[in-house]
Every structure is written in C-alpha cells, then in structure tokens.
N, C-alpha and C. Protein backbone atom coordinates (compact mmCIF):
# COMPACT_ATOMS: atom_id res chain seq x y z
N GLN A 1 69.84 -85.27 -45.60
CA GLN A 1 70.94 -85.12 -44.66
C GLN A 1 71.66 -83.80 -44.88
N VAL A 2 71.85 -83.43 -46.13
CA VAL A 2 72.53 -82.16 -46.43
C VAL A 2 71.70 -80.99 -45.92
N GLU A 3 70.39 -81.06 -46.13
CA GLU A 3 69.52 -79.99 -45.65
C GLU A 3 69.57 -79.90 -44.13
N ALA A 4 69.57 -81.05 -43.45
CA ALA A 4 69.65 -81.05 -41.99
C ALA A 4 70.97 -80.44 -41.53
N MET A 5 72.04 -80.74 -42.22
CA MET A 5 73.35 -80.16 -41.86
C MET A 5 73.36 -78.65 -42.09
N LYS A 6 72.73 -78.20 -43.19
CA LYS A 6 72.65 -76.75 -43.45
C LYS A 6 71.91 -76.04 -42.32
N GLN A 7 70.80 -76.62 -41.89
CA GLN A 7 70.03 -76.03 -40.80
C GLN A 7 70.84 -75.98 -39.51
N MET A 8 71.59 -77.04 -39.25
CA MET A 8 72.39 -77.08 -38.04
C MET A 8 73.50 -76.03 -38.08
N VAL A 9 74.15 -75.87 -39.22
CA VAL A 9 75.20 -74.86 -39.36
C VAL A 9 74.61 -73.46 -39.22
N ALA A 10 73.46 -73.22 -39.83
CA ALA A 10 72.81 -71.91 -39.71
C ALA A 10 72.43 -71.62 -38.26
N ALA A 11 71.89 -72.62 -37.57
CA ALA A 11 71.51 -72.44 -36.17
C ALA A 11 72.74 -72.20 -35.30
N PHE A 12 73.83 -72.92 -35.57
CA PHE A 12 75.05 -72.71 -34.79
C PHE A 12 75.61 -71.32 -35.04
N SER A 13 75.57 -70.86 -36.28
CA SER A 13 76.05 -69.52 -36.59
C SER A 13 75.27 -68.47 -35.81
N GLU A 14 73.96 -68.66 -35.73
CA GLU A 14 73.11 -67.73 -34.97
C GLU A 14 73.46 -67.78 -33.49
N TYR A 15 73.72 -68.98 -32.98
CA TYR A 15 74.06 -69.14 -31.56
C TYR A 15 75.43 -68.53 -31.25
N ALA A 16 76.40 -68.75 -32.12
CA ALA A 16 77.77 -68.30 -31.87
C ALA A 16 77.94 -66.81 -32.08
N ARG A 17 77.17 -66.26 -33.01
CA ARG A 17 77.28 -64.83 -33.32
C ARG A 17 76.58 -64.04 -32.23
N ALA A 18 77.29 -63.07 -31.69
CA ALA A 18 76.70 -62.28 -30.61
C ALA A 18 76.85 -60.80 -30.91
N PRO A 19 75.99 -60.25 -31.79
CA PRO A 19 76.08 -58.82 -32.04
C PRO A 19 75.75 -58.04 -30.77
N ARG A 20 76.17 -56.81 -30.75
CA ARG A 20 75.95 -55.98 -29.56
C ARG A 20 74.47 -55.80 -29.28
N ILE A 21 74.12 -55.91 -28.04
CA ILE A 21 72.73 -55.76 -27.62
C ILE A 21 72.36 -54.28 -27.67
N GLN A 22 71.16 -53.98 -28.19
CA GLN A 22 70.70 -52.61 -28.30
C GLN A 22 69.38 -52.47 -27.54
N LEU A 23 69.48 -51.93 -26.33
CA LEU A 23 68.30 -51.79 -25.47
C LEU A 23 67.46 -50.59 -25.87
N ALA A 24 66.16 -50.79 -25.86
CA ALA A 24 65.21 -49.71 -26.12
C ALA A 24 63.87 -50.13 -25.50
N GLU A 25 63.08 -49.14 -25.13
CA GLU A 25 61.75 -49.43 -24.61
C GLU A 25 60.82 -49.77 -25.78
N PHE A 26 60.01 -50.80 -25.60
CA PHE A 26 59.00 -51.13 -26.60
C PHE A 26 57.87 -51.90 -25.94
N ASP A 27 56.78 -52.02 -26.66
CA ASP A 27 55.57 -52.68 -26.17
C ASP A 27 55.66 -54.17 -26.45
N LEU A 28 55.93 -54.95 -25.41
CA LEU A 28 56.07 -56.40 -25.55
C LEU A 28 54.76 -57.02 -26.03
N ALA A 29 53.63 -56.53 -25.53
CA ALA A 29 52.33 -57.09 -25.93
C ALA A 29 52.11 -56.95 -27.43
N ALA A 30 52.49 -55.79 -27.99
CA ALA A 30 52.33 -55.57 -29.43
C ALA A 30 53.21 -56.56 -30.22
N LEU A 31 54.44 -56.77 -29.74
CA LEU A 31 55.33 -57.72 -30.42
C LEU A 31 54.77 -59.14 -30.34
N ILE A 32 54.25 -59.52 -29.18
CA ILE A 32 53.66 -60.85 -29.03
C ILE A 32 52.50 -61.03 -29.99
N ARG A 33 51.64 -60.01 -30.11
CA ARG A 33 50.50 -60.10 -31.05
C ARG A 33 51.00 -60.27 -32.49
N GLN A 34 52.01 -59.49 -32.89
CA GLN A 34 52.55 -59.59 -34.25
C GLN A 34 53.08 -60.99 -34.53
N VAL A 35 53.92 -61.48 -33.63
CA VAL A 35 54.56 -62.78 -33.85
C VAL A 35 53.53 -63.91 -33.82
N SER A 36 52.61 -63.87 -32.86
CA SER A 36 51.61 -64.95 -32.79
C SER A 36 50.68 -64.92 -34.01
N ASP A 37 50.35 -63.72 -34.50
CA ASP A 37 49.53 -63.63 -35.71
C ASP A 37 50.24 -64.26 -36.91
N LEU A 38 51.54 -64.02 -37.03
CA LEU A 38 52.31 -64.62 -38.13
C LEU A 38 52.32 -66.15 -38.04
N TYR A 39 52.53 -66.66 -36.84
CA TYR A 39 52.56 -68.11 -36.67
C TYR A 39 51.17 -68.71 -36.88
N HIS A 40 50.14 -68.03 -36.42
CA HIS A 40 48.78 -68.54 -36.62
C HIS A 40 48.43 -68.56 -38.11
N ALA A 41 48.85 -67.54 -38.86
CA ALA A 41 48.61 -67.52 -40.31
C ALA A 41 49.35 -68.66 -41.00
N GLN A 42 50.51 -69.01 -40.47
CA GLN A 42 51.31 -70.09 -41.03
C GLN A 42 50.66 -71.46 -40.78
N ASP A 43 50.02 -71.61 -39.61
CA ASP A 43 49.38 -72.88 -39.25
C ASP A 43 48.06 -72.59 -38.53
N PRO A 44 46.98 -72.31 -39.29
CA PRO A 44 45.71 -71.90 -38.68
C PRO A 44 45.04 -72.96 -37.80
N ARG A 45 45.46 -74.21 -37.90
CA ARG A 45 44.84 -75.24 -37.06
C ARG A 45 45.24 -75.09 -35.59
N VAL A 46 46.35 -74.36 -35.33
CA VAL A 46 46.81 -74.14 -33.95
C VAL A 46 46.09 -72.94 -33.37
N ALA A 47 45.45 -73.15 -32.22
CA ALA A 47 44.78 -72.06 -31.52
C ALA A 47 45.80 -71.33 -30.65
N PHE A 48 45.87 -70.03 -30.81
CA PHE A 48 46.75 -69.21 -29.98
C PHE A 48 45.90 -68.46 -28.98
N GLY A 49 46.19 -68.63 -27.71
CA GLY A 49 45.51 -67.88 -26.66
C GLY A 49 46.47 -66.85 -26.11
N LEU A 50 45.97 -65.63 -25.91
CA LEU A 50 46.80 -64.56 -25.36
C LEU A 50 46.15 -64.04 -24.08
N ARG A 51 46.92 -63.99 -23.01
CA ARG A 51 46.53 -63.36 -21.75
C ARG A 51 47.63 -62.37 -21.40
N LEU A 52 47.47 -61.15 -21.88
CA LEU A 52 48.52 -60.15 -21.75
C LEU A 52 48.10 -59.10 -20.72
N ASP A 53 48.81 -59.08 -19.62
CA ASP A 53 48.53 -58.16 -18.51
C ASP A 53 48.82 -56.73 -18.96
N ARG A 54 47.85 -55.84 -18.78
CA ARG A 54 48.03 -54.43 -19.18
C ARG A 54 49.19 -53.77 -18.44
N GLY A 55 49.49 -54.21 -17.25
CA GLY A 55 50.59 -53.64 -16.48
C GLY A 55 51.93 -54.26 -16.83
N ALA A 56 51.94 -55.15 -17.81
CA ALA A 56 53.18 -55.85 -18.19
C ALA A 56 53.42 -55.72 -19.69
N THR A 57 53.40 -54.49 -20.18
CA THR A 57 53.57 -54.33 -21.62
C THR A 57 54.90 -53.68 -21.99
N MET A 58 55.29 -52.64 -21.26
CA MET A 58 56.51 -51.93 -21.64
C MET A 58 57.75 -52.63 -21.06
N ILE A 59 58.69 -52.88 -21.95
CA ILE A 59 59.90 -53.60 -21.58
C ILE A 59 61.09 -52.85 -22.15
N GLU A 60 62.22 -52.98 -21.50
CA GLU A 60 63.45 -52.39 -22.01
C GLU A 60 64.38 -53.54 -22.40
N ALA A 61 64.50 -53.74 -23.70
CA ALA A 61 65.24 -54.90 -24.20
C ALA A 61 65.63 -54.66 -25.65
N ASP A 62 66.35 -55.61 -26.21
CA ASP A 62 66.69 -55.59 -27.63
C ASP A 62 65.53 -56.24 -28.37
N ARG A 63 64.77 -55.44 -29.10
CA ARG A 63 63.55 -55.92 -29.76
C ARG A 63 63.83 -57.11 -30.70
N GLY A 64 64.90 -57.04 -31.45
CA GLY A 64 65.24 -58.12 -32.37
C GLY A 64 65.51 -59.43 -31.65
N ARG A 65 66.21 -59.33 -30.53
CA ARG A 65 66.51 -60.54 -29.76
C ARG A 65 65.26 -61.11 -29.08
N ILE A 66 64.39 -60.24 -28.62
CA ILE A 66 63.15 -60.73 -28.01
C ILE A 66 62.27 -61.37 -29.07
N ARG A 67 62.27 -60.82 -30.28
CA ARG A 67 61.54 -61.46 -31.39
C ARG A 67 62.13 -62.85 -31.65
N GLN A 68 63.46 -62.97 -31.65
CA GLN A 68 64.11 -64.27 -31.85
C GLN A 68 63.71 -65.24 -30.74
N LEU A 69 63.67 -64.76 -29.50
CA LEU A 69 63.27 -65.57 -28.37
C LEU A 69 61.85 -66.11 -28.59
N LEU A 70 60.93 -65.22 -28.96
CA LEU A 70 59.55 -65.64 -29.24
C LEU A 70 59.49 -66.63 -30.39
N ASN A 71 60.24 -66.35 -31.45
CA ASN A 71 60.26 -67.28 -32.60
C ASN A 71 60.73 -68.66 -32.16
N ASN A 72 61.79 -68.72 -31.37
CA ASN A 72 62.30 -70.02 -30.93
C ASN A 72 61.29 -70.75 -30.06
N LEU A 73 60.66 -70.04 -29.13
CA LEU A 73 59.68 -70.68 -28.25
C LEU A 73 58.47 -71.18 -29.03
N LEU A 74 57.97 -70.36 -29.97
CA LEU A 74 56.79 -70.77 -30.74
C LEU A 74 57.13 -71.89 -31.73
N THR A 75 58.31 -71.85 -32.32
CA THR A 75 58.73 -72.93 -33.21
C THR A 75 58.80 -74.25 -32.45
N ASN A 76 59.39 -74.21 -31.25
CA ASN A 76 59.45 -75.44 -30.43
C ASN A 76 58.05 -75.96 -30.13
N SER A 77 57.15 -75.06 -29.74
CA SER A 77 55.79 -75.49 -29.43
C SER A 77 55.11 -76.08 -30.65
N LEU A 78 55.24 -75.41 -31.79
CA LEU A 78 54.60 -75.92 -33.01
C LEU A 78 55.14 -77.29 -33.39
N GLU A 79 56.45 -77.48 -33.26
CA GLU A 79 57.02 -78.79 -33.58
C GLU A 79 56.51 -79.86 -32.62
N ALA A 80 56.36 -79.51 -31.35
CA ALA A 80 55.84 -80.46 -30.36
C ALA A 80 54.38 -80.80 -30.63
N LEU A 81 53.64 -79.87 -31.23
CA LEU A 81 52.22 -80.07 -31.47
C LEU A 81 51.92 -80.75 -32.80
N ASP A 82 52.93 -80.98 -33.61
CA ASP A 82 52.74 -81.57 -34.93
C ASP A 82 51.99 -82.90 -34.82
N GLY A 83 50.86 -82.99 -35.49
CA GLY A 83 50.08 -84.22 -35.51
C GLY A 83 49.16 -84.41 -34.33
N ARG A 84 49.15 -83.49 -33.39
CA ARG A 84 48.28 -83.61 -32.21
C ARG A 84 46.91 -83.02 -32.51
N PRO A 85 45.86 -83.62 -31.97
CA PRO A 85 44.52 -83.04 -32.16
C PRO A 85 44.35 -81.80 -31.28
N ASP A 86 43.65 -80.82 -31.78
CA ASP A 86 43.34 -79.59 -31.04
C ASP A 86 44.57 -78.92 -30.42
N PRO A 87 45.58 -78.57 -31.24
CA PRO A 87 46.78 -77.95 -30.69
C PRO A 87 46.53 -76.53 -30.20
N VAL A 88 47.08 -76.22 -29.03
CA VAL A 88 46.89 -74.90 -28.41
C VAL A 88 48.23 -74.40 -27.88
N ILE A 89 48.49 -73.12 -28.13
CA ILE A 89 49.64 -72.43 -27.54
C ILE A 89 49.09 -71.22 -26.79
N MET A 90 49.42 -71.13 -25.51
CA MET A 90 48.98 -70.01 -24.67
C MET A 90 50.20 -69.14 -24.38
N ILE A 91 50.05 -67.83 -24.63
CA ILE A 91 51.11 -66.87 -24.33
C ILE A 91 50.56 -65.90 -23.29
N GLU A 92 51.27 -65.79 -22.19
CA GLU A 92 50.82 -64.93 -21.09
C GLU A 92 51.92 -63.99 -20.65
N THR A 93 51.53 -62.82 -20.18
CA THR A 93 52.47 -61.91 -19.53
C THR A 93 51.88 -61.51 -18.19
N SER A 94 52.76 -61.24 -17.26
CA SER A 94 52.36 -60.74 -15.95
C SER A 94 53.51 -59.90 -15.41
N ARG A 95 53.25 -59.24 -14.33
CA ARG A 95 54.26 -58.39 -13.73
C ARG A 95 54.52 -58.84 -12.31
N THR A 96 55.80 -58.96 -11.95
CA THR A 96 56.22 -59.28 -10.60
C THR A 96 57.30 -58.28 -10.23
N GLY A 97 56.96 -57.28 -9.42
CA GLY A 97 57.93 -56.24 -9.06
C GLY A 97 58.38 -55.50 -10.30
N ASP A 98 59.69 -55.45 -10.53
CA ASP A 98 60.21 -54.75 -11.70
C ASP A 98 60.52 -55.72 -12.84
N GLN A 99 59.89 -56.89 -12.81
CA GLN A 99 60.09 -57.91 -13.84
C GLN A 99 58.80 -58.15 -14.62
N ILE A 100 58.95 -58.37 -15.91
CA ILE A 100 57.86 -58.81 -16.77
C ILE A 100 58.07 -60.31 -16.98
N VAL A 101 57.05 -61.09 -16.73
CA VAL A 101 57.15 -62.54 -16.90
C VAL A 101 56.36 -62.93 -18.15
N LEU A 102 57.03 -63.56 -19.08
CA LEU A 102 56.44 -64.07 -20.32
C LEU A 102 56.41 -65.58 -20.22
N THR A 103 55.22 -66.17 -20.38
CA THR A 103 55.09 -67.62 -20.28
C THR A 103 54.45 -68.15 -21.56
N VAL A 104 55.07 -69.19 -22.12
CA VAL A 104 54.54 -69.87 -23.30
C VAL A 104 54.26 -71.32 -22.88
N THR A 105 53.00 -71.73 -23.05
CA THR A 105 52.58 -73.08 -22.68
C THR A 105 51.91 -73.72 -23.89
N ASP A 106 52.21 -74.99 -24.13
CA ASP A 106 51.51 -75.71 -25.20
C ASP A 106 50.88 -76.97 -24.62
N ASN A 107 50.04 -77.61 -25.40
CA ASN A 107 49.40 -78.85 -24.94
C ASN A 107 49.98 -80.06 -25.65
N GLY A 108 51.27 -80.00 -25.94
CA GLY A 108 51.98 -81.12 -26.55
C GLY A 108 52.37 -82.15 -25.51
N PRO A 109 53.38 -82.98 -25.84
CA PRO A 109 53.78 -84.06 -24.93
C PRO A 109 54.59 -83.60 -23.72
N GLY A 110 55.05 -82.36 -23.71
CA GLY A 110 55.86 -81.89 -22.59
C GLY A 110 57.31 -82.32 -22.74
N PHE A 111 58.09 -82.00 -21.74
CA PHE A 111 59.52 -82.35 -21.76
C PHE A 111 59.72 -83.76 -21.23
N GLN A 112 60.59 -84.51 -21.91
CA GLN A 112 60.93 -85.84 -21.43
C GLN A 112 61.71 -85.70 -20.13
N ALA A 113 61.46 -86.62 -19.20
CA ALA A 113 62.07 -86.53 -17.87
C ALA A 113 63.59 -86.41 -17.93
N GLY A 114 64.24 -87.19 -18.75
CA GLY A 114 65.70 -87.18 -18.80
C GLY A 114 66.30 -85.97 -19.48
N ILE A 115 65.49 -85.24 -20.24
CA ILE A 115 66.04 -84.12 -21.01
C ILE A 115 65.77 -82.76 -20.36
N ALA A 116 64.79 -82.70 -19.46
CA ALA A 116 64.37 -81.42 -18.89
C ALA A 116 65.52 -80.65 -18.25
N GLY A 117 66.39 -81.32 -17.53
CA GLY A 117 67.51 -80.65 -16.86
C GLY A 117 68.58 -80.15 -17.80
N GLN A 118 68.59 -80.66 -19.03
CA GLN A 118 69.61 -80.28 -20.01
C GLN A 118 69.03 -79.54 -21.20
N ALA A 119 67.76 -79.20 -21.17
CA ALA A 119 67.08 -78.64 -22.34
C ALA A 119 67.71 -77.34 -22.84
N PHE A 120 68.38 -76.58 -21.97
CA PHE A 120 69.00 -75.33 -22.38
C PHE A 120 70.44 -75.51 -22.86
N ASP A 121 70.97 -76.72 -22.78
CA ASP A 121 72.33 -76.97 -23.25
C ASP A 121 72.34 -77.09 -24.77
N PRO A 122 73.38 -76.53 -25.43
CA PRO A 122 73.45 -76.65 -26.89
C PRO A 122 73.48 -78.12 -27.33
N TYR A 123 72.78 -78.39 -28.41
CA TYR A 123 72.71 -79.68 -29.10
C TYR A 123 71.92 -80.75 -28.36
N VAL A 124 71.21 -80.40 -27.29
CA VAL A 124 70.36 -81.35 -26.60
C VAL A 124 68.96 -81.20 -27.18
N THR A 125 68.43 -82.29 -27.73
CA THR A 125 67.09 -82.27 -28.31
C THR A 125 66.49 -83.66 -28.27
N SER A 126 65.17 -83.71 -28.23
CA SER A 126 64.47 -84.99 -28.32
C SER A 126 63.73 -85.08 -29.65
N LYS A 127 63.86 -84.03 -30.48
CA LYS A 127 63.15 -84.00 -31.76
C LYS A 127 64.03 -84.56 -32.87
N PRO A 128 63.43 -85.34 -33.77
CA PRO A 128 64.23 -85.93 -34.85
C PRO A 128 64.86 -84.90 -35.78
N LYS A 129 64.20 -83.74 -35.98
CA LYS A 129 64.73 -82.73 -36.89
C LYS A 129 65.36 -81.56 -36.16
N GLY A 130 65.38 -81.57 -34.84
CA GLY A 130 65.87 -80.43 -34.07
C GLY A 130 67.39 -80.35 -34.06
N THR A 131 67.89 -79.12 -33.88
CA THR A 131 69.34 -78.90 -33.78
C THR A 131 69.79 -78.85 -32.33
N GLY A 132 68.86 -78.63 -31.41
CA GLY A 132 69.21 -78.50 -30.01
C GLY A 132 69.77 -77.14 -29.66
N LEU A 133 69.55 -76.15 -30.53
CA LEU A 133 70.07 -74.81 -30.26
C LEU A 133 68.97 -73.80 -29.91
N GLY A 134 67.73 -74.12 -30.17
CA GLY A 134 66.64 -73.17 -29.94
C GLY A 134 66.57 -72.67 -28.51
N LEU A 135 66.52 -73.59 -27.54
CA LEU A 135 66.44 -73.17 -26.15
C LEU A 135 67.77 -72.64 -25.62
N ALA A 136 68.88 -73.10 -26.19
CA ALA A 136 70.19 -72.53 -25.80
C ALA A 136 70.25 -71.06 -26.19
N ILE A 137 69.71 -70.74 -27.35
CA ILE A 137 69.66 -69.33 -27.79
C ILE A 137 68.71 -68.54 -26.90
N VAL A 138 67.58 -69.13 -26.54
CA VAL A 138 66.63 -68.46 -25.64
C VAL A 138 67.34 -68.12 -24.32
N ARG A 139 68.03 -69.09 -23.75
CA ARG A 139 68.72 -68.84 -22.47
C ARG A 139 69.76 -67.74 -22.61
N ARG A 140 70.52 -67.75 -23.69
CA ARG A 140 71.54 -66.72 -23.89
C ARG A 140 70.91 -65.34 -23.99
N ILE A 141 69.81 -65.22 -24.74
CA ILE A 141 69.12 -63.93 -24.88
C ILE A 141 68.62 -63.45 -23.52
N VAL A 142 68.03 -64.34 -22.75
CA VAL A 142 67.50 -63.98 -21.43
C VAL A 142 68.64 -63.52 -20.52
N GLU A 143 69.74 -64.25 -20.51
CA GLU A 143 70.88 -63.89 -19.67
C GLU A 143 71.49 -62.56 -20.08
N GLU A 144 71.54 -62.29 -21.39
CA GLU A 144 72.05 -61.00 -21.88
C GLU A 144 71.22 -59.84 -21.33
N HIS A 145 69.96 -60.08 -21.08
CA HIS A 145 69.05 -59.05 -20.59
C HIS A 145 68.93 -59.04 -19.07
N GLY A 146 69.72 -59.86 -18.39
CA GLY A 146 69.68 -59.90 -16.94
C GLY A 146 68.44 -60.58 -16.39
N GLY A 147 67.85 -61.48 -17.17
CA GLY A 147 66.63 -62.17 -16.76
C GLY A 147 66.89 -63.61 -16.38
N GLN A 148 65.80 -64.34 -16.21
CA GLN A 148 65.86 -65.76 -15.88
C GLN A 148 64.86 -66.52 -16.74
N VAL A 149 65.16 -67.78 -16.97
CA VAL A 149 64.25 -68.63 -17.74
C VAL A 149 64.12 -69.97 -17.02
N GLU A 150 62.89 -70.48 -16.99
CA GLU A 150 62.61 -71.76 -16.36
C GLU A 150 61.69 -72.57 -17.27
N LEU A 151 61.84 -73.88 -17.18
CA LEU A 151 60.94 -74.74 -17.93
C LEU A 151 60.37 -75.80 -17.02
N ALA A 152 59.19 -76.26 -17.39
CA ALA A 152 58.51 -77.31 -16.62
C ALA A 152 57.44 -77.91 -17.52
N ASN A 153 56.95 -79.04 -17.10
CA ASN A 153 55.77 -79.60 -17.74
C ASN A 153 54.55 -78.95 -17.09
N ALA A 154 53.61 -78.54 -17.91
CA ALA A 154 52.40 -77.90 -17.41
C ALA A 154 51.55 -78.92 -16.65
N PRO A 155 50.83 -78.49 -15.61
CA PRO A 155 50.03 -79.43 -14.82
C PRO A 155 49.05 -80.26 -15.66
N GLY A 156 48.43 -79.67 -16.67
CA GLY A 156 47.48 -80.40 -17.50
C GLY A 156 48.12 -81.10 -18.69
N GLY A 157 49.43 -81.12 -18.76
CA GLY A 157 50.16 -81.71 -19.88
C GLY A 157 50.71 -80.62 -20.77
N GLY A 158 51.76 -80.94 -21.48
CA GLY A 158 52.41 -79.97 -22.34
C GLY A 158 53.61 -79.33 -21.67
N ALA A 159 54.25 -78.44 -22.41
CA ALA A 159 55.45 -77.78 -21.93
C ALA A 159 55.13 -76.34 -21.54
N ARG A 160 55.86 -75.83 -20.54
CA ARG A 160 55.70 -74.44 -20.12
C ARG A 160 57.10 -73.85 -19.93
N ILE A 161 57.33 -72.71 -20.59
CA ILE A 161 58.58 -71.98 -20.41
C ILE A 161 58.24 -70.58 -19.95
N SER A 162 58.87 -70.16 -18.86
CA SER A 162 58.65 -68.83 -18.30
C SER A 162 59.95 -68.04 -18.36
N VAL A 163 59.85 -66.83 -18.87
CA VAL A 163 60.98 -65.93 -19.02
C VAL A 163 60.70 -64.67 -18.22
N SER A 164 61.62 -64.28 -17.34
CA SER A 164 61.51 -63.03 -16.59
C SER A 164 62.52 -62.04 -17.14
N LEU A 165 62.04 -60.85 -17.48
CA LEU A 165 62.90 -59.80 -18.03
C LEU A 165 62.60 -58.49 -17.31
N PRO A 166 63.59 -57.60 -17.23
CA PRO A 166 63.34 -56.31 -16.57
C PRO A 166 62.31 -55.49 -17.34
N ALA A 167 61.40 -54.88 -16.57
CA ALA A 167 60.42 -53.96 -17.16
C ALA A 167 61.17 -52.70 -17.59
N ALA A 168 60.54 -51.92 -18.44
CA ALA A 168 61.12 -50.64 -18.84
C ALA A 168 61.30 -49.79 -17.59
N ALA A 169 62.36 -49.02 -17.53
CA ALA A 169 62.67 -48.20 -16.35
C ALA A 169 61.50 -47.29 -15.99
N ARG A 170 60.89 -46.66 -16.97
CA ARG A 170 59.77 -45.76 -16.72
C ARG A 170 58.59 -46.54 -16.13
N ALA A 171 58.30 -47.71 -16.67
CA ALA A 171 57.20 -48.53 -16.17
C ALA A 171 57.50 -49.03 -14.76
N ALA A 172 58.75 -49.38 -14.49
CA ALA A 172 59.13 -49.85 -13.16
C ALA A 172 58.95 -48.73 -12.14
N ARG A 173 59.33 -47.51 -12.50
CA ARG A 173 59.17 -46.37 -11.59
C ARG A 173 57.69 -46.11 -11.32
N ALA A 174 56.85 -46.22 -12.34
CA ALA A 174 55.41 -46.01 -12.16
C ALA A 174 54.84 -47.09 -11.24
N GLY A 175 55.28 -48.32 -11.38
CA GLY A 175 54.83 -49.41 -10.51
C GLY A 175 55.24 -49.18 -9.07
N GLU A 176 56.47 -48.67 -8.85
CA GLU A 176 56.94 -48.37 -7.49
C GLU A 176 56.10 -47.26 -6.89
N ALA A 177 55.78 -46.24 -7.65
CA ALA A 177 54.98 -45.13 -7.15
C ALA A 177 53.59 -45.60 -6.75
N ARG A 178 52.98 -46.50 -7.53
CA ARG A 178 51.66 -47.03 -7.21
C ARG A 178 51.73 -47.84 -5.91
N ARG A 179 52.80 -48.62 -5.71
CA ARG A 179 52.93 -49.42 -4.49
C ARG A 179 53.11 -48.52 -3.27
N GLU A 180 53.87 -47.43 -3.43
CA GLU A 180 54.10 -46.51 -2.32
C GLU A 180 52.81 -45.83 -1.90
N GLN A 181 51.93 -45.53 -2.84
CA GLN A 181 50.67 -44.86 -2.54
C GLN A 181 49.69 -45.78 -1.83
N ALA A 182 49.83 -47.06 -2.06
CA ALA A 182 48.88 -48.04 -1.50
C ALA A 182 49.06 -48.26 -0.02
C-alpha cells in the first residue's frame, strides 16, 4: 500500500508540475525507435511493430514531453498485455496536411465501455495498480503542443490511441510546396 501511494504521489507530481515547454525540431521516427527498443529489451516477449511514414518524421515539439507521452502510451499497452498470449504493440506515423499522426495500438482487452469517455480524466483507471494519470498526462502534453488525441477500441480488438501534432515548420512548408506542384 505504501509503495502504491508513493507511485501515486510521484505520478501526481509529474502531472501537476508544468515546466516551460521547449520547442525544437527533431526526428520523431528516431525517438520512436529508441523508446520502442528500450521497451522491447525490457519485455522481449512483446512484439513491437513499426510503420513509420517517411514523410512524417520531422516534428516541432518538446522532445522530453514527447518521450514522456510515448512512455505513458507504451506503459499502458504493456500493462494491458500482461499475461496475454502473443502480445503485440503497433506504432504508426502518418501525415495529414501539416499534422503528424502517431498511433499506438495493442492487442489487449481494449477500453471498457464505461471508462472510454473518461479515460483522459485524472484518476480514472480500470487497472488494479494504475494511478489514472498516464492518459491525463498524455492529453495535457498533446494540448500543450496544439494537437489532438483520440482513443478507441481497435477493430480487431485491443486499444488504439491516436495523437495529432504539428509537423516541423520546415517539413510543413515542403509538404505545401509538393502539393502546389501537383
């Protein structure tokens, strides 16, 4: 119980603390590879699939916060997959206009019907060990970056979370130029 309380206090501190956002251009695909490699090394039984669109790599964001976002999404997926046969996490990126869309899908049980509408609210969780702050932090990070986040149950089962974030300004201009030429 004490350990659970420590984790909850640490998670709340992370949620409540809002250091200044520091935007910089970086390669989202490279960060995804780094983070997924770390999680795969931690739990090799989980298969990580990556579908990273070459046109959706450069992003303008706070690298540390995007790493936190990825950590929270992958931690949630891993916890949902605990004890499941053939666990899989798929991470995808795509480009829609001047937005980069990051989608994380797992083949776990998916979101419970009653909790899906409140999943981004602080302290809402269906997990016995969860604090209910992971997705609240994800939403806050996405909103700080002027993006959007959506969740749903994947058609084949499991959970799917999609995050839209602004592409790097230089990449967005290059995309506009390509569209104008077409």
